């Protein structure tokens, strides 16, 4: 099974989550750093330990 995933409709994704005045200068630097650290830790842990085997169907 799939642990997680995201497949947004790329034609409307930006319009739904953003506005025309969004710009990188408005991003909170500390929050960006914390998010990047969390994603880095996730990738590291998945690489180091992998994912558990999926249970057999019907169990």
Protein backbone atom coordinates (compact mmCIF):
# COMPACT_ATOMS: atom_id res chain seq x y z
CA UNK A 1 0.00 0.00 0.00
CA UNK A 2 0.88 3.64 -0.38
CA UNK A 3 1.97 5.47 2.76
CA UNK A 4 1.21 8.96 1.46
CA UNK A 5 0.90 10.89 -1.76
CA UNK A 6 -0.38 14.03 -3.42
CA UNK A 7 -1.70 14.39 -6.95
CA UNK A 8 -3.35 17.83 -7.18
CA UNK A 9 -5.10 19.11 -10.28
CA UNK A 10 -2.26 21.25 -11.58
CA UNK A 11 -4.56 23.53 -13.56
CA UNK A 12 -6.25 24.97 -10.44
CA UNK A 13 -3.81 24.13 -7.64
CA UNK A 14 -2.11 27.55 -7.52
CA UNK A 15 -5.40 29.46 -7.69
CA UNK A 16 -6.84 27.44 -4.80
CA UNK A 17 -3.89 27.75 -2.39
CA UNK A 18 -2.33 31.08 -3.37
CA UNK A 19 -3.12 34.64 -4.35
CA UNK A 20 -1.54 36.95 -6.89
CA UNK A 21 0.27 38.84 -4.11
CA UNK A 22 2.04 35.76 -2.67
CA UNK A 23 5.80 36.20 -2.76
CA UNK A 24 8.82 34.55 -1.14
CA UNK A 25 9.59 37.59 1.03
CA UNK A 26 6.32 37.01 2.92
CA UNK A 27 7.41 33.54 4.06
CA UNK A 28 8.36 33.28 7.73
CA UNK A 29 12.02 32.24 7.59
CA UNK A 30 11.93 30.25 10.85
CA UNK A 31 8.82 28.31 9.79
CA UNK A 32 10.44 27.53 6.44
CA UNK A 33 13.58 26.28 8.22
CA UNK A 34 11.53 24.11 10.60
CA UNK A 35 9.54 22.64 7.71
CA UNK A 36 12.73 21.91 5.77
CA UNK A 37 14.28 20.25 8.83
CA UNK A 38 11.18 18.08 9.33
CA UNK A 39 11.19 16.95 5.69
CA UNK A 40 14.93 16.24 5.87
CA UNK A 41 14.43 14.12 8.99
CA UNK A 42 11.60 12.20 7.30
CA UNK A 43 13.72 11.41 4.24
CA UNK A 44 16.67 10.39 6.43
CA UNK A 45 14.57 8.07 8.60
CA UNK A 46 12.86 6.48 5.60
CA UNK A 47 16.25 5.88 4.01
CA UNK A 48 17.79 4.48 7.20
CA UNK A 49 14.91 2.28 8.39
CA UNK A 50 12.68 1.88 5.35
CA UNK A 51 8.97 1.17 5.64
CA UNK A 52 7.43 -1.80 7.43
CA UNK A 53 6.08 -4.59 5.27
CA UNK A 54 2.39 -4.28 4.50
CA UNK A 55 0.26 -6.93 6.22
CA UNK A 56 -1.11 -9.70 4.06
CA UNK A 57 -4.68 -9.11 2.82
CA UNK A 58 -7.29 -10.50 5.19
CA UNK A 59 -5.16 -10.21 8.32
